[in-house]
Protein backbone atom coordinates (compact mmCIF):
# COMPACT_ATOMS: atom_id res chain seq x y z
CA MET A 1 -13.52 22.67 25.18
CA GLY A 2 -11.43 24.73 22.78
CA THR A 3 -12.31 27.91 21.02
CA ALA A 4 -12.08 28.83 17.31
CA ALA A 5 -9.19 31.66 17.74
CA ALA A 6 -5.84 30.46 18.54
CA SER A 7 -5.19 33.96 20.85
CA PRO A 8 -6.65 34.38 24.35
CA ASN A 9 -6.94 37.72 23.26
CA LEU A 10 -9.27 36.99 20.51
CA GLN A 11 -12.17 34.71 22.03
CA TYR A 12 -15.77 34.17 21.91
CA GLY A 13 -16.29 37.27 19.86
CA TYR A 14 -14.51 40.18 22.36
CA PRO A 15 -13.39 42.49 21.96
CA THR A 16 -14.04 41.75 18.11
CA PRO A 17 -15.56 39.16 16.05
CA GLY A 18 -11.86 37.56 15.62
CA PRO A 19 -11.23 35.15 12.82
CA GLN A 20 -14.08 34.19 10.30
CA ALA A 21 -12.57 31.50 7.86
CA PRO A 22 -10.43 28.71 9.11
CA THR A 23 -9.83 26.18 6.65
CA GLY A 24 -9.72 22.51 7.49
CA GLN A 25 -5.86 22.67 7.08
CA ARG A 26 -5.33 25.46 9.35
CA VAL A 27 -7.38 23.69 12.28
CA MET A 28 -5.35 20.56 11.65
CA ASP A 29 -1.97 22.78 11.76
CA HIS A 30 -3.48 24.75 14.96
CA VAL A 31 -4.13 21.09 16.72
CA PHE A 32 -1.67 18.58 15.32
CA PHE A 33 1.09 20.00 12.82
CA LEU A 34 3.61 22.68 13.21
CA SER A 35 2.15 26.32 12.74
CA ASN A 36 4.27 28.96 10.39
CA ALA A 37 5.72 30.23 13.45
CA GLU A 38 6.54 26.35 14.86
CA TRP A 39 7.78 25.46 11.51
CA LYS A 40 10.32 28.46 11.62
CA ALA A 41 11.14 27.47 15.30
CA ALA A 42 12.09 24.11 13.95
CA ARG A 43 14.47 24.86 11.30
CA GLU A 44 16.12 27.53 13.30
CA LYS A 45 16.72 26.07 17.07
CA ASN A 46 15.14 22.45 17.27
CA ASP A 47 17.76 19.72 17.15
CA TYR A 48 15.99 16.34 15.91
CA ASP A 49 17.28 12.48 16.19
CA TYR A 50 15.74 11.66 13.06
CA VAL A 51 14.05 13.54 10.17
CA VAL A 52 11.55 10.99 8.48
CA VAL A 53 10.15 12.05 5.07
CA GLY A 54 6.97 10.70 4.35
CA THR A 55 3.49 9.83 6.73
CA GLY A 56 2.78 6.61 4.98
CA PHE A 57 3.02 3.09 6.64
CA CYS A 58 6.92 3.14 7.07
CA ALA A 59 6.73 6.14 8.78
CA LEU A 60 4.31 5.49 11.33
CA ALA A 61 6.02 2.01 11.93
CA PHE A 62 9.58 3.76 12.08
CA ALA A 63 8.61 6.39 14.49
CA LYS A 64 6.41 4.13 16.34
CA ARG A 65 9.23 2.03 17.09
CA VAL A 66 11.51 4.39 17.87
CA LEU A 67 9.49 6.05 20.79
CA GLU A 68 8.31 2.76 22.16
CA SER A 69 12.24 2.23 22.55
CA ASN A 70 13.11 5.95 23.74
CA PRO A 71 9.89 8.11 24.09
CA HIS A 72 12.50 10.75 24.59
CA ARG A 73 13.81 10.92 21.07
CA ARG A 74 13.26 14.08 19.04
CA ILE A 75 11.30 13.27 15.71
CA LEU A 76 10.21 15.52 12.91
CA MET A 77 7.81 14.22 10.12
CA VAL A 78 7.79 15.97 6.96
CA GLU A 79 4.85 15.55 4.82
CA ARG A 80 4.50 17.17 0.74
CA GLY A 81 0.66 17.11 1.04
CA PRO A 82 -2.18 18.78 3.08
CA PHE A 83 -4.35 16.69 5.04
CA PHE A 84 -7.22 15.39 3.17
CA LEU A 85 -9.12 11.94 4.12
CA PRO A 86 -8.87 11.30 8.00
CA GLU A 87 -8.66 7.21 7.17
CA HIS A 88 -9.06 4.88 4.69
CA PHE A 89 -11.85 5.85 2.03
CA GLN A 90 -13.61 2.76 2.40
CA ASN A 91 -14.22 3.25 5.79
CA LEU A 92 -15.87 6.75 4.92
CA PRO A 93 -19.33 7.35 3.25
CA LEU A 94 -20.12 5.79 -0.11
CA PRO A 95 -19.33 8.97 -2.03
CA PHE A 96 -15.59 8.74 -0.85
CA LYS A 97 -15.19 6.33 -3.32
CA ASP A 98 -14.96 8.76 -5.91
CA THR A 99 -11.35 10.04 -4.40
CA LEU A 100 -10.07 6.76 -5.96
CA GLY A 101 -8.09 7.82 -8.61
CA GLY A 102 -8.05 11.38 -10.63
CA LEU A 103 -6.39 14.60 -8.73
CA SER A 104 -5.89 12.21 -5.70
CA GLU A 105 -2.83 10.92 -7.50
CA THR A 106 -0.05 12.62 -8.88
CA PHE A 107 2.96 11.22 -11.15
CA PRO A 108 6.12 12.85 -10.38
CA TRP A 109 7.94 11.27 -13.29
CA THR A 110 7.83 11.41 -17.09
CA LEU A 111 6.49 8.16 -19.00
CA SER A 112 8.78 7.28 -21.94
CA ALA A 113 6.77 7.75 -25.06
CA SER A 114 7.22 4.32 -26.27
CA THR A 115 5.76 2.78 -23.18
CA ALA A 116 2.80 5.50 -22.88
CA LEU A 117 1.72 5.18 -26.60
CA GLY A 118 1.69 1.51 -26.35
CA LYS A 119 4.55 0.20 -28.36
CA ASP A 120 6.58 -1.59 -25.50
CA GLY A 121 3.65 -3.91 -24.63
CA PRO A 122 0.31 -3.83 -22.69
CA VAL A 123 1.78 -1.67 -19.72
CA ARG A 124 0.87 2.05 -20.62
CA TRP A 125 1.45 3.93 -17.16
CA GLN A 126 2.38 3.15 -13.54
CA HIS A 127 -0.10 4.11 -10.64
CA GLY A 128 1.23 7.50 -9.05
CA MET A 129 1.70 8.45 -5.31
CA VAL A 130 -1.15 9.92 -3.22
CA PRO A 131 0.46 13.38 -2.16
CA PHE A 132 -1.32 14.01 1.22
CA PHE A 133 -1.37 13.05 4.97
CA GLY A 134 -1.16 9.29 5.45
CA GLY A 135 -0.40 8.76 1.81
CA ARG A 136 -1.04 5.42 -0.06
CA SER A 137 -2.32 4.24 3.25
CA THR A 138 -5.54 5.69 2.58
CA LEU A 139 -6.22 4.12 -0.94
CA TRP A 140 -5.14 0.71 -0.87
CA SER A 141 -6.32 -3.01 -1.00
CA ALA A 142 -5.12 -3.74 2.58
CA TRP A 143 -3.80 -7.37 1.46
CA CYS A 144 -0.94 -8.46 3.77
CA PRO A 145 0.72 -12.03 3.00
CA ARG A 146 3.76 -13.06 4.76
CA PRO A 147 6.10 -14.32 1.78
CA ASN A 148 7.52 -17.80 2.74
CA ASP A 149 11.33 -18.32 1.98
CA ASP A 150 11.24 -19.49 -1.49
CA GLU A 151 9.24 -16.26 -2.29
CA PHE A 152 12.21 -14.15 -0.93
CA SER A 153 14.10 -15.52 -4.01
CA GLY A 154 17.13 -13.33 -4.79
CA TRP A 155 17.06 -11.24 -1.02
CA PRO A 156 19.87 -11.30 1.20
CA GLN A 157 19.59 -13.83 4.04
CA ALA A 158 20.15 -11.69 6.88
CA THR A 159 17.01 -9.08 5.12
CA ILE A 160 15.06 -12.27 5.09
CA ASP A 161 15.71 -13.13 8.58
CA ALA A 162 14.92 -9.47 9.56
CA ALA A 163 11.53 -9.64 8.18
CA ARG A 164 10.57 -12.83 9.97
CA ARG A 165 11.47 -11.16 13.14
CA ASN A 166 9.18 -8.43 12.72
CA PHE A 167 6.30 -9.94 11.06
CA ASP A 168 4.15 -10.38 14.38
CA ALA A 169 4.57 -6.79 15.07
CA ALA A 170 4.24 -5.49 11.70
CA GLU A 171 0.95 -7.27 11.86
CA LYS A 172 0.05 -5.87 15.16
CA LEU A 173 0.74 -2.35 13.87
CA LEU A 174 -1.39 -3.08 10.67
CA ARG A 175 -4.15 -5.10 12.64
CA VAL A 176 -3.96 -7.83 10.24
CA GLN A 177 -6.68 -10.54 10.17
CA LYS A 178 -7.29 -13.70 8.14
CA ALA A 179 -10.63 -13.42 6.20
CA ASP A 180 -12.01 -16.93 7.58
CA GLN A 181 -10.84 -15.09 11.40
CA ILE A 182 -13.50 -11.98 10.80
CA ASP A 183 -16.69 -14.01 11.84
CA GLN A 184 -15.15 -17.28 13.23
CA GLY A 185 -17.13 -18.78 15.92
CA ARG A 186 -19.97 -16.96 15.97
CA SER A 187 -23.53 -18.52 16.11
CA THR A 188 -26.05 -18.33 13.22
CA GLU A 189 -28.04 -15.93 15.10
CA GLU A 190 -24.91 -13.67 15.88
CA LEU A 191 -23.97 -13.94 11.49
CA ASN A 192 -27.85 -12.89 11.02
CA VAL A 193 -27.77 -9.77 13.11
CA ILE A 194 -24.16 -8.97 11.64
CA GLY A 195 -25.29 -9.46 8.14
CA LYS A 196 -27.96 -6.69 8.87
CA SER A 197 -25.32 -4.06 8.83
CA ARG A 198 -22.08 -5.75 6.62
CA PRO A 199 -21.78 -8.78 4.34
CA VAL A 200 -20.62 -11.88 6.44
CA TYR A 201 -17.33 -13.62 6.22
CA GLY A 202 -18.88 -17.23 6.77
CA PRO A 203 -20.44 -20.02 4.99
CA LEU A 204 -19.24 -18.76 1.60
CA GLN A 205 -15.65 -18.31 2.80
CA ASP A 206 -15.40 -21.89 4.45
CA CYS A 207 -16.79 -23.03 1.17
CA ILE A 208 -14.02 -21.30 -1.19
CA GLN A 209 -11.69 -21.89 0.98
CA SER A 210 -11.97 -25.58 1.40
CA LEU A 211 -12.26 -25.98 -2.35
CA LEU A 212 -9.26 -24.52 -3.04
CA LYS A 213 -7.15 -26.31 -0.20
CA GLU A 214 -8.98 -29.37 -1.78
CA LYS A 215 -7.94 -28.85 -5.34
CA GLY A 216 -6.30 -25.61 -5.77
CA GLU A 217 -2.76 -26.96 -5.48
CA GLY A 218 -3.84 -29.23 -8.77
CA VAL A 219 -3.78 -26.36 -11.39
CA GLY A 220 -0.45 -25.61 -12.78
CA GLY A 221 1.58 -23.34 -11.38
CA VAL A 222 -0.30 -22.94 -7.99
CA TYR A 223 1.51 -23.98 -4.68
CA ARG A 224 -0.36 -22.68 -1.76
CA THR A 225 -3.73 -21.04 -0.96
CA GLN A 226 -5.06 -19.50 2.07
CA ALA A 227 -7.42 -16.87 3.49
CA ALA A 228 -6.56 -13.85 2.55
CA PRO A 229 -4.67 -11.62 5.20
CA LEU A 230 -6.67 -8.13 5.36
CA ALA A 231 -5.15 -5.14 7.52
CA SER A 232 -8.80 -4.76 8.54
CA ALA A 233 -9.28 -5.77 12.59
CA SER A 234 -11.43 -3.11 13.81
CA GLU A 235 -10.60 -1.74 17.11
CA ASN A 236 -14.50 -1.45 17.73
CA VAL A 237 -15.10 -2.77 21.11
CA ASN A 238 -18.26 -4.90 20.21
CA GLY A 239 -16.44 -6.76 17.35
CA VAL A 240 -18.70 -6.76 15.05
CA ASP A 241 -17.34 -3.95 12.35
CA PHE A 242 -14.47 -4.41 9.63
CA GLN A 243 -12.28 -1.46 9.09
CA LYS A 244 -9.31 -1.20 6.75
CA PHE A 245 -6.06 0.61 8.22
CA SER A 246 -4.65 3.46 7.13
CA THR A 247 -1.99 5.55 9.25
CA PRO A 248 -3.52 9.21 9.98
CA GLY A 249 -5.11 8.55 12.82
CA ASP A 250 -2.46 6.25 14.20
CA ILE A 251 -0.01 9.34 13.49
CA LEU A 252 -1.96 11.57 15.26
CA ALA A 253 -2.48 9.54 17.91
CA LEU A 254 1.36 8.94 18.57
CA ALA A 255 1.71 12.90 18.31
CA ASP A 256 -0.95 13.54 21.22
CA GLN A 257 0.73 10.39 23.08
CA GLN A 258 4.11 12.35 22.84
CA ALA A 259 2.56 15.46 23.72
CA LYS A 260 1.11 14.31 27.02
CA LEU A 261 4.69 12.71 27.61
CA HIS A 262 6.35 15.64 27.02
CA ALA A 263 4.07 17.92 29.25
CA ALA A 264 4.81 15.51 32.08
CA GLY A 265 8.59 15.17 31.20
CA LYS A 266 8.44 11.67 30.16
CA GLY A 267 8.88 12.12 26.74
CA ALA A 268 9.68 14.11 23.71
CA ARG A 269 7.00 16.09 21.26
CA LEU A 270 6.70 14.13 17.56
CA ASP A 271 6.86 17.11 15.06
CA ILE A 272 4.79 17.11 12.10
CA VAL A 273 4.90 19.43 9.31
CA THR A 274 2.54 19.15 6.16
CA GLU A 275 2.61 20.94 2.65
CA CYS A 276 6.27 20.87 2.34
CA VAL A 277 8.13 19.23 -0.36
CA VAL A 278 11.60 18.24 0.07
CA GLU A 279 13.31 19.26 -3.40
CA ARG A 280 16.97 18.25 -2.59
CA ILE A 281 19.34 16.90 0.17
CA GLN A 282 22.45 19.03 0.79
CA GLN A 283 25.45 17.03 1.88
CA GLN A 284 29.41 17.74 2.83
CA GLU A 285 32.34 15.90 3.10
CA ILE A 286 32.34 15.52 7.20
CA ASN A 287 35.33 13.68 9.19
CA GLY A 288 36.28 11.40 5.84
CA SER A 289 32.43 10.51 4.88
CA ARG A 290 29.70 12.26 3.00
CA ARG A 291 26.69 13.56 5.32
CA ALA A 292 23.54 14.96 4.55
CA THR A 293 23.48 18.53 6.02
CA ALA A 294 19.95 20.13 5.30
CA LEU A 295 16.93 19.55 3.36
CA GLU A 296 16.14 22.26 0.78
CA THR A 297 12.72 22.28 0.81
CA SER A 298 9.62 24.39 -0.27
CA ARG A 299 9.47 25.80 2.82
CA GLY A 300 12.93 26.91 3.28
CA VAL A 301 16.03 25.21 4.36
CA LEU A 302 16.13 22.65 7.25
CA PRO A 303 19.11 22.11 8.73
CA LEU A 304 19.95 18.14 9.47
CA GLY A 305 22.16 18.83 12.81
CA ASP A 306 23.08 15.45 14.07
CA ALA A 307 19.66 14.04 12.79
CA GLN A 308 19.71 10.72 10.60
CA LEU A 309 17.60 11.14 7.66
CA ILE A 310 15.07 8.60 6.94
CA LEU A 311 13.45 8.41 3.40
CA ALA A 312 9.71 6.79 4.14
CA MET A 313 8.21 8.59 0.75
CA GLY A 314 7.54 5.67 -1.47
CA THR A 315 9.51 4.04 -4.12
CA LEU A 316 10.33 6.20 -7.13
CA PRO A 317 10.27 9.90 -5.29
CA PRO A 318 13.16 8.71 -3.23
CA THR A 319 15.02 7.45 -6.26
CA THR A 320 14.81 10.88 -7.78
CA LEU A 321 15.43 12.63 -4.98
CA LEU A 322 18.81 10.81 -4.08
CA ARG A 323 19.90 11.24 -7.48
CA ASN A 324 19.56 14.81 -7.60
CA SER A 325 21.23 15.32 -4.35
CA PHE A 326 24.18 12.38 -5.04
CA PRO A 327 24.51 12.75 -8.65
CA ASP A 328 27.84 10.98 -8.67
CA THR A 329 26.19 7.81 -7.33
CA GLN A 330 25.46 5.37 -9.64
CA ALA A 331 22.79 2.36 -10.19
CA LEU A 332 19.68 4.42 -8.79
CA GLY A 333 16.70 3.39 -10.91
CA GLU A 334 18.61 1.26 -13.26
CA ARG A 335 16.58 -1.91 -11.81
CA PHE A 336 12.89 -1.31 -11.51
CA SER A 337 10.19 -4.15 -10.93
CA ALA A 338 6.39 -3.44 -10.08
CA HIS A 339 3.22 -5.93 -10.54
CA PHE A 340 1.28 -6.20 -14.01
CA ILE A 341 -1.96 -7.42 -13.46
CA SER A 342 -5.05 -9.23 -14.96
CA SER A 343 -8.59 -8.37 -13.89
CA ILE A 344 -11.02 -11.36 -14.55
CA VAL A 345 -14.87 -11.41 -13.47
CA ALA A 346 -16.57 -14.45 -13.50
CA ARG A 347 -19.77 -16.34 -12.10
CA VAL A 348 -20.76 -19.76 -11.29
CA PRO A 349 -24.55 -20.86 -10.12
CA LYS A 350 -24.95 -20.58 -6.12
CA SER A 351 -26.46 -23.84 -6.33
CA SER A 352 -23.73 -25.98 -7.17
CA LEU A 353 -21.71 -23.81 -4.60
CA ASP A 354 -24.23 -24.18 -1.63
CA PRO A 355 -26.54 -27.23 -2.26
CA GLU A 356 -27.76 -26.75 1.32
CA GLY A 357 -28.57 -23.43 1.24
CA LYS A 358 -26.38 -22.07 4.17
CA PHE A 359 -25.23 -19.15 2.58
CA GLY A 360 -26.73 -15.89 4.20
CA ASP A 361 -28.40 -12.81 2.25
CA LEU A 362 -24.85 -11.41 1.91
CA GLU A 363 -21.66 -12.87 1.86
CA LEU A 364 -18.20 -12.57 0.88
CA SER A 365 -14.93 -14.36 0.82
CA ALA A 366 -11.40 -13.59 0.15
CA CYS A 367 -8.66 -15.77 -0.52
CA TYR A 368 -4.92 -15.81 -1.83
CA VAL A 369 -3.36 -17.71 -4.19
CA ALA A 370 0.27 -18.00 -5.03
CA GLY A 371 1.84 -19.69 -7.76
CA VAL A 372 5.03 -19.38 -10.24
CA ALA A 373 5.51 -19.82 -13.72
CA GLU A 374 8.20 -22.38 -15.34
CA LYS A 375 8.69 -23.58 -11.80
CA SER A 376 10.45 -20.83 -10.94
CA TYR A 377 10.45 -18.57 -7.99
CA GLU A 378 11.83 -15.39 -10.02
CA GLN A 379 8.17 -15.34 -11.87
CA GLN A 380 6.00 -15.34 -8.88
CA PHE A 381 2.37 -14.39 -9.30
CA HIS A 382 -0.51 -14.24 -7.04
CA ILE A 383 -4.59 -14.22 -7.33
CA GLN A 384 -6.48 -12.12 -5.14
CA LEU A 385 -9.79 -14.02 -5.34
CA SER A 386 -12.77 -12.01 -4.08
CA SER A 387 -16.20 -13.80 -4.13
CA LEU A 388 -19.64 -12.19 -3.54
CA TRP A 389 -23.14 -13.89 -2.75
CA ASP A 390 -26.05 -10.79 -2.64
CA VAL A 391 -29.50 -11.63 -2.49
CA ASN A 392 -30.10 -8.23 -2.70
CA PRO A 393 -27.26 -6.38 -5.06
CA GLU A 394 -29.19 -3.06 -5.95
CA GLU A 395 -30.30 -2.71 -1.92
CA ASN A 396 -26.57 -3.77 -0.86
CA ALA A 397 -24.77 -1.43 -3.52
CA GLY A 398 -23.20 0.58 -0.63
CA THR A 399 -22.49 -1.97 1.97
CA ALA A 400 -21.03 -4.20 -0.61
CA LEU A 401 -18.57 -1.62 -1.87
CA ARG A 402 -17.85 -0.47 1.50
CA TYR A 403 -16.63 -4.00 2.90
CA MET A 404 -15.37 -5.44 -0.56
CA PRO A 405 -11.87 -6.88 0.15
CA ASP A 406 -9.98 -5.40 -2.97
CA VAL A 407 -10.02 -1.47 -3.57
CA VAL A 408 -9.88 -1.74 -7.38
CA ALA A 409 -11.21 -5.34 -8.01
CA THR A 410 -14.92 -4.92 -7.02
CA ALA A 411 -17.89 -6.19 -9.34
CA SER A 412 -20.05 -3.54 -10.73
CA GLN A 413 -23.77 -3.11 -10.16
CA ALA A 414 -24.40 -4.36 -13.67
CA GLN A 415 -22.72 -7.48 -12.94
CA LEU A 416 -24.54 -8.17 -9.48
CA GLN A 417 -27.71 -7.13 -10.85
CA THR A 418 -27.83 -9.52 -13.81
CA SER A 419 -26.20 -12.33 -11.68
CA GLU A 420 -29.24 -13.30 -10.03
CA GLY A 421 -28.68 -16.70 -8.30
CA TYR A 422 -24.89 -16.48 -8.90
CA VAL A 423 -21.70 -16.31 -6.73
CA VAL A 424 -19.53 -13.52 -8.46
CA PHE A 425 -15.74 -13.99 -8.09
CA VAL A 426 -13.51 -10.82 -8.68
CA CYS A 427 -9.55 -11.97 -9.40
CA ALA A 428 -7.18 -9.37 -9.44
CA VAL A 429 -3.93 -11.37 -10.57
CA LEU A 430 -0.66 -9.66 -9.96
CA GLY A 431 2.75 -10.87 -11.57
CA GLU A 432 5.93 -10.09 -11.02
CA LEU A 433 7.62 -7.74 -13.50
CA ASP A 434 11.45 -8.91 -14.60
CA CYS A 435 13.59 -6.88 -12.50
CA GLN A 436 16.47 -8.22 -14.49
CA ASN A 437 15.15 -6.73 -17.80
CA SER A 438 17.73 -3.69 -18.76
CA GLU A 439 14.87 -2.17 -20.90
CA SER A 440 12.52 -1.49 -18.06
CA TRP A 441 14.19 1.60 -15.77
CA PHE A 442 14.00 4.73 -13.90
CA LEU A 443 16.37 6.99 -14.86
CA ARG A 444 17.20 10.94 -15.25
CA ASN A 445 15.37 13.33 -17.20
CA ASP A 446 17.65 15.85 -18.52
CA GLN A 447 14.79 17.41 -20.17
CA ASP A 448 12.59 18.31 -17.08
CA GLN A 449 14.23 21.17 -15.03
CA ASN A 450 12.03 20.39 -12.09
CA ILE A 451 13.93 18.61 -9.54
CA THR A 452 11.14 16.75 -7.99
CA THR A 453 10.08 15.51 -11.20
CA ASN A 454 12.90 15.01 -13.73
CA SER A 455 12.66 11.39 -14.11
CA LEU A 456 12.12 8.98 -16.97
CA LEU A 457 9.98 5.62 -16.46
CA GLN A 458 10.20 3.08 -19.04
CA VAL A 459 8.46 -0.44 -19.04
CA LYS A 460 9.16 -2.49 -21.86
CA GLU A 461 8.04 -6.34 -20.99
CA ASN A 462 10.39 -9.02 -22.13
CA ALA A 463 9.84 -12.69 -23.00
CA ARG A 464 9.81 -13.30 -19.35
CA ASP A 465 7.42 -11.12 -18.26
CA TYR A 466 5.09 -12.70 -20.82
CA GLN A 467 5.69 -16.42 -19.46
CA THR A 468 4.72 -15.25 -16.26
CA TRP A 469 1.47 -13.35 -17.39
CA ASP A 470 -0.08 -16.47 -19.37
CA ALA A 471 0.95 -18.54 -16.44
CA MET A 472 -1.21 -16.64 -14.17
CA ASP A 473 -4.01 -16.06 -16.68
CA ASN A 474 -3.89 -19.64 -17.07
CA ALA A 475 -4.12 -20.40 -13.50
CA THR A 476 -7.20 -17.95 -12.88
CA PHE A 477 -9.08 -19.88 -15.32
CA GLY A 478 -8.08 -22.90 -13.87
CA ILE A 479 -8.95 -22.40 -10.28
CA LEU A 480 -12.28 -20.88 -11.58
CA GLU A 481 -13.14 -23.82 -13.90
CA GLU A 482 -11.38 -26.88 -12.43
CA VAL A 483 -11.61 -25.83 -8.77
CA LEU A 484 -14.56 -23.29 -8.04
CA SER A 485 -17.25 -24.66 -10.12
CA PRO A 486 -17.91 -28.06 -8.81
CA ALA A 487 -20.13 -28.75 -11.70
CA GLY A 488 -17.75 -28.15 -14.31
CA ALA A 489 -16.33 -25.40 -16.34
CA SER A 490 -19.51 -25.36 -18.76
CA GLN A 491 -21.27 -23.36 -15.70
CA VAL A 492 -18.34 -20.81 -15.43
CA GLU A 493 -19.55 -17.41 -17.18
CA TYR A 494 -16.94 -14.29 -17.73
CA TRP A 495 -17.75 -10.80 -17.90
CA HIS A 496 -17.34 -9.01 -21.42
CA GLY A 497 -16.89 -5.42 -22.32
CA ASP A 498 -17.26 -2.04 -19.82
CA PRO A 499 -18.01 -3.16 -15.92
CA ASP A 500 -21.28 -0.99 -16.28
CA LYS A 501 -22.31 -2.12 -20.36
CA GLY A 502 -20.55 -5.65 -20.69
CA GLN A 503 -22.63 -9.09 -20.96
CA TRP A 504 -22.12 -12.52 -19.74
CA SER A 505 -20.65 -15.20 -21.98
CA ALA A 506 -19.16 -18.57 -21.42
CA GLU A 507 -16.60 -17.65 -23.40
CA ARG A 508 -13.24 -16.76 -21.76
CA PRO A 509 -12.15 -12.93 -21.94
CA SER A 510 -9.28 -12.41 -24.29
CA GLN A 511 -5.92 -10.97 -23.51
CA ASP A 512 -6.74 -7.32 -24.56
CA GLU A 513 -10.10 -7.40 -22.55
CA ARG A 514 -8.51 -8.83 -18.90
CA ARG A 515 -4.96 -7.58 -19.16
CA VAL A 516 -4.68 -3.85 -17.35
CA ASP A 517 -2.50 -1.49 -18.88
CA ALA A 518 -1.38 0.05 -15.58
CA LEU A 519 1.41 -1.02 -13.31
CA VAL A 520 1.10 -1.15 -9.36
CA HIS A 521 3.60 -1.92 -6.32
CA GLU A 522 6.65 -0.41 -7.85
CA SER A 523 10.03 -1.63 -6.69
CA SER A 524 13.67 -2.17 -6.51
CA THR A 525 14.86 1.46 -7.96
CA LEU A 526 17.26 1.54 -4.62
CA TYR A 527 17.61 -2.20 -4.06
CA LEU A 528 19.69 -3.35 -1.15
CA GLY A 529 22.39 -5.78 -1.15
CA GLU A 530 25.65 -6.81 0.23
CA GLU A 531 27.54 -6.10 -2.83
CA ALA A 532 28.97 -2.79 -3.29
CA SER A 533 27.02 -2.10 -6.29
CA ALA A 534 23.40 -2.05 -4.45
CA PRO A 535 22.74 1.41 -3.70
CA VAL A 536 21.65 0.60 -0.39
CA ASP A 537 23.49 -1.74 2.47
CA LEU A 538 21.84 -4.65 4.46
CA ASN A 539 21.47 -1.63 7.28
CA TYR A 540 19.11 0.32 5.08
CA ARG A 541 21.70 2.89 4.98
CA PHE A 542 22.20 5.07 1.17
CA ARG A 543 25.80 3.83 0.04
CA GLY A 544 26.49 7.64 -0.77
CA SER A 545 25.70 9.05 2.40
CA SER A 546 26.45 8.31 6.34
CA ASN A 547 23.27 9.39 7.70
CA VAL A 548 20.66 8.59 4.82
CA TYR A 549 18.35 5.86 5.20
CA VAL A 550 15.98 4.07 3.04
CA THR A 551 12.40 2.35 3.55
CA GLY A 552 9.83 0.90 1.41
CA GLY A 553 9.46 -0.94 -1.83
CA CYS A 554 12.33 0.50 -3.31
CA LEU A 555 14.92 -1.52 -1.51
CA TRP A 556 13.40 -4.90 -2.94
CA PRO A 557 16.14 -6.94 -4.63
CA GLN A 558 13.69 -9.03 -6.40
CA GLY A 559 9.96 -7.82 -6.96
CA GLY A 560 8.18 -10.77 -5.91
CA SER A 561 4.38 -10.98 -6.65
CA TRP A 562 3.18 -10.87 -2.94
CA ASN A 563 1.78 -7.35 -1.79
CA PRO A 564 4.38 -5.48 -0.03
CA THR A 565 3.12 -3.65 2.88
CA LEU A 566 3.33 -6.09 5.50
CA THR A 567 7.25 -6.39 4.74
CA MET A 568 8.03 -2.84 4.27
CA VAL A 569 6.69 -2.38 7.61
CA ALA A 570 8.75 -5.21 8.95
CA LEU A 571 12.08 -3.88 7.56
CA ALA A 572 11.08 -0.23 8.72
CA GLN A 573 10.64 -1.44 12.45
CA ASP A 574 14.44 -3.51 12.14
CA LEU A 575 15.66 -0.09 10.87
CA ALA A 576 14.29 1.55 13.79
CA ASP A 577 15.61 -1.14 16.04
CA LYS A 578 19.01 -0.92 14.37
CA LEU A 579 19.51 2.75 14.68
CA GLU A 580 18.29 2.46 18.34
CA SER A 581 20.87 -0.30 19.11
CA ALA A 582 23.90 1.97 17.48
CA GLU A 583 23.18 4.86 20.20
């Protein structure tokens, strides 16, 4: 059993009481992260094979794959923020729901005034970064669809093949399961037991999935439907629970594994430093090519030596970092894409969906519906369709929120409590922003002197964006009225107004009511390609340097509409394989 004091001379209250004001961060530093003295040694003495900036999905995927290949590889992870949440916020007690948004998001860029003031269209802002250990993995919806070949429109074939090679491994890492597999094969008795502790993915899931399979592709633009793939498979031995994936626990377990291997002489430690902001990459010409030689950080200069530098820090921050560090490199941030959103909440009488009364007291379903506008895979959209049937919405409030498939698209208490006898549908509908639109960009902001935030983001919707947005909204209404209401469109009601103060009506919500003013899943600012104009080559190497590599959604040549995490992880694993095979 450990003690509170780090020094053997100051333990157990002898000869003095010893330290009396530990903090959570300092405890984590002592156990898992580099202390000030260890960080000093890392900068002055340690030689690393890889320096990874970030601790999110791509950082974990890369480090884990490298260490599986060679446990002796020396890896340093550099995280800008402190330790905040130990896992996904939905896995924690209900009050942690209030950690979503607010101070848990930062915006290391300036918005164009025309965008922020609503002069460029409905979109007025882009969701920010989560500046803590684990990053966005602690605050995400966990939907992990595999793109099909058509959905990879605009991508190099070699990159598509690399993703396909690694999808199985990526799903294993993220613990992806389809919604219809969560409670598959369980008896009625088992479902009744499970239903006392969490919602069941059972008869309701089967019903919605069957209706979509039978009629879904008859709705304009829709070409496939499936049970939602969710990164939620618990490692609980009883197999009953449902737990969304996040990286903190897995990264710390990996660090613990490597510490034990190091002690046995069978591997190297995985070093992690937190509260360390990378501000600039120093680079020099060496043997005829430019090479990153050091990182300027908020905690001093870190020499890179022979290390490969892996940027696993999201989409927009690495674009800013590379633009400041390699100012003569072109095309950084000239291409920008993301997902715009419509939010539609509807309800249908439970009797028309469950005439035989098979639904339990508390059931959820989650389905993924994909479509395109104008029959073009350059204009993709999808519906994240969550459904809830709840006999006791007030009593089950905390449980339902804990298990809702979508972080943002959740039914409010007012919506549920006024829906006795109804199944409530929550639709988060995502469409791709046109990445070829020259008026949407992420460029340098010369008025900002802070090198970690001196970028300007502008989003100006064009005619193609509006085509896609119209198509996806119409498809959603079609799915609800033509597919999920067996008794016809007249039985569908929509929520209007504030989630907590609105009301139900047979009238469809207007554009202003349903179209969200924020973007998610930003991408494409450091797109990869065979052409010399692409900032990143097909080996994920930034073209401005011989030892800087890029991961994440910034690589996307075209945004698509599919949730990006699974593909991000698959390509980070491919990067690890490429670098290890080159040794």
